[in-house]
Protein backbone atom coordinates (compact mmCIF):
# COMPACT_ATOMS: atom_id res chain seq x y z
CA MET A 1 -1.77 -46.54 -0.85
CA THR A 2 -0.41 -43.53 -1.94
CA THR A 3 0.42 -42.73 -5.55
CA ASP A 4 2.90 -40.78 -7.07
CA ARG A 5 0.25 -38.69 -8.18
CA THR A 6 -0.56 -38.23 -4.80
CA ARG A 7 2.22 -37.42 -2.95
CA GLN A 8 2.55 -34.89 -6.10
CA PHE A 9 -0.16 -33.49 -5.28
CA GLU A 10 -0.03 -32.97 -1.47
CA ALA A 11 3.17 -31.51 -2.33
CA ALA A 12 1.89 -28.72 -4.70
CA ALA A 13 -1.74 -28.42 -2.50
CA LEU A 14 -1.20 -28.92 0.96
CA PRO A 15 0.86 -25.73 1.87
CA HIS A 16 -2.02 -23.62 0.80
CA LEU A 17 -4.90 -25.30 2.74
CA ASP A 18 -4.25 -22.57 5.72
CA ALA A 19 -4.59 -19.90 2.57
CA ALA A 20 -7.85 -22.09 0.61
CA TRP A 21 -10.21 -21.69 3.53
CA ASN A 22 -9.32 -18.29 5.13
CA LEU A 23 -10.78 -17.49 1.28
CA ALA A 24 -13.28 -20.19 1.65
CA ARG A 25 -14.47 -18.46 5.12
CA TRP A 26 -14.41 -14.90 4.20
CA LEU A 27 -16.75 -15.68 1.14
CA LEU A 28 -18.97 -17.76 2.38
CA ARG A 29 -18.95 -16.73 5.98
CA ASP A 30 -19.78 -19.48 8.11
CA ASP A 31 -16.55 -22.25 8.93
CA GLN A 32 -18.29 -25.04 8.33
CA LEU A 33 -19.15 -23.65 4.98
CA ALA A 34 -15.81 -23.16 4.77
CA ASP A 35 -14.56 -26.76 5.06
CA ASP A 36 -16.96 -27.89 3.38
CA ALA A 37 -15.97 -25.67 0.05
CA VAL A 38 -12.20 -26.70 0.71
CA GLN A 39 -12.73 -30.18 0.42
CA GLU A 40 -14.46 -30.39 -2.70
CA ALA A 41 -12.07 -27.64 -3.51
CA TYR A 42 -9.15 -30.48 -3.70
CA LEU A 43 -11.10 -32.88 -4.66
CA ARG A 44 -12.12 -30.82 -8.83
CA ALA A 45 -8.25 -30.26 -7.91
CA PHE A 46 -7.34 -33.66 -7.31
CA ARG A 47 -9.60 -35.01 -10.45
CA PHE A 48 -7.21 -32.02 -12.61
CA PHE A 49 -4.10 -32.11 -10.74
CA ASP A 50 -2.93 -32.96 -14.45
CA GLY A 51 -3.70 -30.31 -15.77
CA LEU A 52 -0.76 -27.48 -13.99
CA ARG A 53 1.84 -27.78 -16.17
CA GLY A 54 4.80 -25.26 -14.55
CA GLU A 55 2.78 -22.54 -12.61
CA SER A 56 2.35 -21.94 -9.36
CA ALA A 57 -0.04 -24.16 -7.14
CA ARG A 58 -1.32 -21.48 -5.79
CA PRO A 59 -3.05 -19.53 -7.67
CA TRP A 60 -4.25 -22.17 -9.26
CA LEU A 61 -6.19 -24.21 -6.30
CA LEU A 62 -7.38 -20.86 -4.68
CA GLY A 63 -9.35 -20.18 -8.01
CA ILE A 64 -10.79 -23.48 -7.91
CA VAL A 65 -11.72 -22.81 -4.68
CA ARG A 66 -12.76 -19.22 -5.22
CA ASN A 67 -15.32 -21.30 -7.46
CA ALA A 68 -16.74 -23.85 -5.56
CA CYS A 69 -17.89 -21.09 -3.22
CA TYR A 70 -19.08 -19.20 -6.05
CA ASP A 71 -20.89 -22.11 -6.69
CA TRP A 72 -22.64 -22.77 -3.17
CA MET A 73 -23.69 -19.60 -2.89
CA ARG A 74 -25.17 -19.56 -6.68
CA GLN A 75 -27.22 -21.95 -5.80
CA ASN A 76 -27.80 -21.42 -1.64
CA ARG A 77 -28.58 -17.44 -2.49
CA GLN A 78 -31.12 -16.54 -0.11
CA LEU A 79 -28.91 -18.27 2.63
CA ALA A 80 -25.33 -16.64 1.53
CA ASP A 81 -26.54 -12.84 2.54
CA GLN A 82 -28.33 -14.42 5.58
CA VAL A 83 -25.28 -16.00 7.48
CA GLU A 84 -23.46 -15.04 10.21
CA PHE A 85 -19.56 -14.76 10.68
CA ASP A 86 -17.40 -12.57 12.72
CA GLU A 87 -13.40 -13.53 12.48
CA LEU A 88 -12.66 -12.38 16.20
CA ARG A 89 -15.27 -14.37 18.28
CA ASP A 90 -14.79 -17.33 15.13
CA SER A 91 -10.78 -16.82 15.88
CA GLU A 92 -8.02 -18.45 18.28
CA ALA A 93 -7.79 -14.59 19.64
CA ALA A 94 -10.79 -14.36 21.81
CA ASP A 95 -9.40 -17.06 23.24
CA GLY A 96 -6.91 -14.87 24.21
CA HIS A 97 -4.82 -17.00 22.88
CA SER A 98 -2.83 -14.03 20.65
CA SER A 99 0.88 -13.18 21.28
CA ALA A 100 -0.18 -9.14 20.57
CA GLN A 101 -1.94 -9.63 24.10
CA ALA A 102 0.68 -8.55 26.17
CA GLY A 103 1.48 -5.10 26.91
CA ASP A 104 -1.36 -2.40 28.25
CA PRO A 105 -5.33 -3.07 28.40
CA ALA A 106 -6.58 -0.05 26.72
CA ARG A 107 -4.58 -0.42 24.24
CA GLN A 108 -5.29 -4.15 23.58
CA TRP A 109 -8.81 -3.24 24.11
CA GLU A 110 -8.46 -0.16 21.27
CA GLN A 111 -6.98 -2.56 19.03
CA ARG A 112 -9.41 -5.32 19.61
CA ALA A 113 -11.97 -2.71 18.47
CA GLN A 114 -10.17 -1.77 15.91
CA GLY A 115 -10.22 -5.52 14.93
CA GLU A 116 -13.59 -5.85 15.00
CA ARG A 117 -14.38 -2.62 12.69
CA ILE A 118 -11.70 -3.69 9.98
CA ASN A 119 -13.62 -7.56 10.06
CA ALA A 120 -17.59 -5.38 10.24
CA ALA A 121 -16.67 -3.30 7.05
CA ILE A 122 -14.69 -6.83 4.88
CA ASP A 123 -17.69 -8.46 5.27
CA ALA A 124 -19.64 -5.91 4.25
CA LEU A 125 -18.50 -5.84 1.55
CA PRO A 126 -20.47 -7.13 -1.91
CA PRO A 127 -17.99 -10.67 -2.53
CA VAL A 128 -16.81 -8.70 -5.57
CA TYR A 129 -15.02 -6.16 -3.83
CA ARG A 130 -14.88 -8.93 -0.05
CA GLU A 131 -12.53 -11.85 -2.10
CA MET A 132 -10.22 -9.17 -3.52
CA ILE A 133 -8.78 -7.49 0.05
CA VAL A 134 -8.97 -10.59 1.55
CA LEU A 135 -5.97 -11.81 -1.86
CA ARG A 136 -4.34 -8.95 -1.59
CA GLU A 137 -4.07 -7.70 2.15
CA LEU A 138 -4.72 -10.44 3.75
CA GLU A 139 -2.83 -12.92 1.69
CA GLU A 140 -0.56 -10.90 0.09
CA MET A 141 -0.97 -12.33 -3.50
CA ARG A 142 0.24 -10.62 -6.20
CA TYR A 143 -1.71 -8.64 -9.08
CA GLU A 144 -1.61 -11.16 -11.40
CA ASP A 145 -2.68 -13.62 -9.68
CA ILE A 146 -5.09 -12.37 -8.49
CA ALA A 147 -6.10 -12.05 -11.50
CA ARG A 148 -6.06 -15.57 -12.14
CA ILE A 149 -8.31 -16.87 -9.30
CA ALA A 150 -11.19 -14.50 -10.16
CA GLY A 151 -10.40 -15.25 -14.11
CA VAL A 152 -11.29 -11.13 -15.36
CA PRO A 153 -8.31 -8.51 -16.70
CA LEU A 154 -5.50 -7.96 -14.48
CA GLY A 155 -6.96 -3.39 -15.29
CA THR A 156 -10.48 -4.87 -13.27
CA VAL A 157 -8.37 -6.78 -9.70
CA MET A 158 -7.17 -3.49 -9.84
CA SER A 159 -10.49 -1.35 -10.27
CA ARG A 160 -11.82 -3.72 -7.68
CA LEU A 161 -9.06 -3.75 -5.12
CA SER A 162 -9.47 0.31 -5.62
CA ARG A 163 -13.12 0.14 -4.86
CA ALA A 164 -12.92 -2.55 -1.71
CA ARG A 165 -10.26 0.02 -0.16
CA ALA A 166 -12.92 3.16 -1.23
CA LEU A 167 -15.88 1.12 0.37
CA LEU A 168 -13.44 -0.21 3.64
CA ARG A 169 -12.66 3.87 4.45
CA ASP A 170 -16.25 4.80 3.97
CA SER A 171 -17.49 2.09 6.13
CA LEU A 172 -14.43 2.75 8.86
CA ARG A 173 -15.15 6.93 8.37
CA ASP A 174 -18.53 6.24 9.55
CA GLU A 175 -18.16 3.81 12.21
CA ARG A 176 -14.89 5.81 13.92
CA PRO A 177 -16.20 6.09 17.05
CA ALA A 178 -16.35 9.45 18.82
CA GLY A 179 -12.86 10.71 19.73
CA ASP A 180 -10.37 8.61 17.18
CA ALA A 181 -9.16 11.32 15.62
CA GLY A 182 -6.39 9.19 13.93
CA GLY A 183 -8.76 5.77 11.66
CA LYS A 184 -5.34 4.11 11.49
CA ILE A 185 -5.69 1.09 10.05
CA HIS A 186 -3.24 -1.27 11.03
CA HIS A 187 -4.59 -5.18 10.02
CA VAL A 188 -5.53 -4.05 5.99
CA ASN A 189 -3.75 -1.00 3.93
CA VAL A 190 -6.83 0.81 3.43
C-alpha cells in the first residue's frame, strides 16, 4: 500500500536517481558499489524525508549519497583505492549505442581516446576533488548546492574546484599524445 508520504518521496527523489548513481559511481569507482550506496542513501533519505522543508531535494539527496559513499570508503579504505572503474568500458557508448558514432572514423577514435584520457584523469583525482568535478562539470550543479552537498563553505568549493581543474590540466598535459598541440577538452571544462 502506497502512502502519501511514499508518493511525495518518490516524486521528490526519483527524478534525481541518475545523478545520485553517477556521483556514487565516480566516488566508488564500481557499478555494484554505486548501486548499493544509492540504495542505502535512498533508504536514509526516506527515513529522514520529513526533515526536508521547502528546499530542493536534489542537493539534499546528493548530500546523503555522498555521505553513504564516504562511509563505505572509510569502512573499506584498502579496497576503495583498488577498485578499477572504466567509464568508457562500462557505458553504453562502449557498446556502440552512442548517437555520436556517426561521422569520420578517425575523429571518432580521437574523441574516444580523448574521453578515455579525461576519464582516467578524473578517476585519478582524490575523492574530494573528484566529487567537485562530477557535481559541477558533469551534473552541472551550482556552487551553493555543491557546498550543501559536501557540507563545506562556498569558498572551499571554489578552491577545491580550482585545484581539481588544475590537477586535471596538469594530468592531461602530461598525457597528451605527441603531435596534439590543441589539447582542447570537450567533456569537462578544466
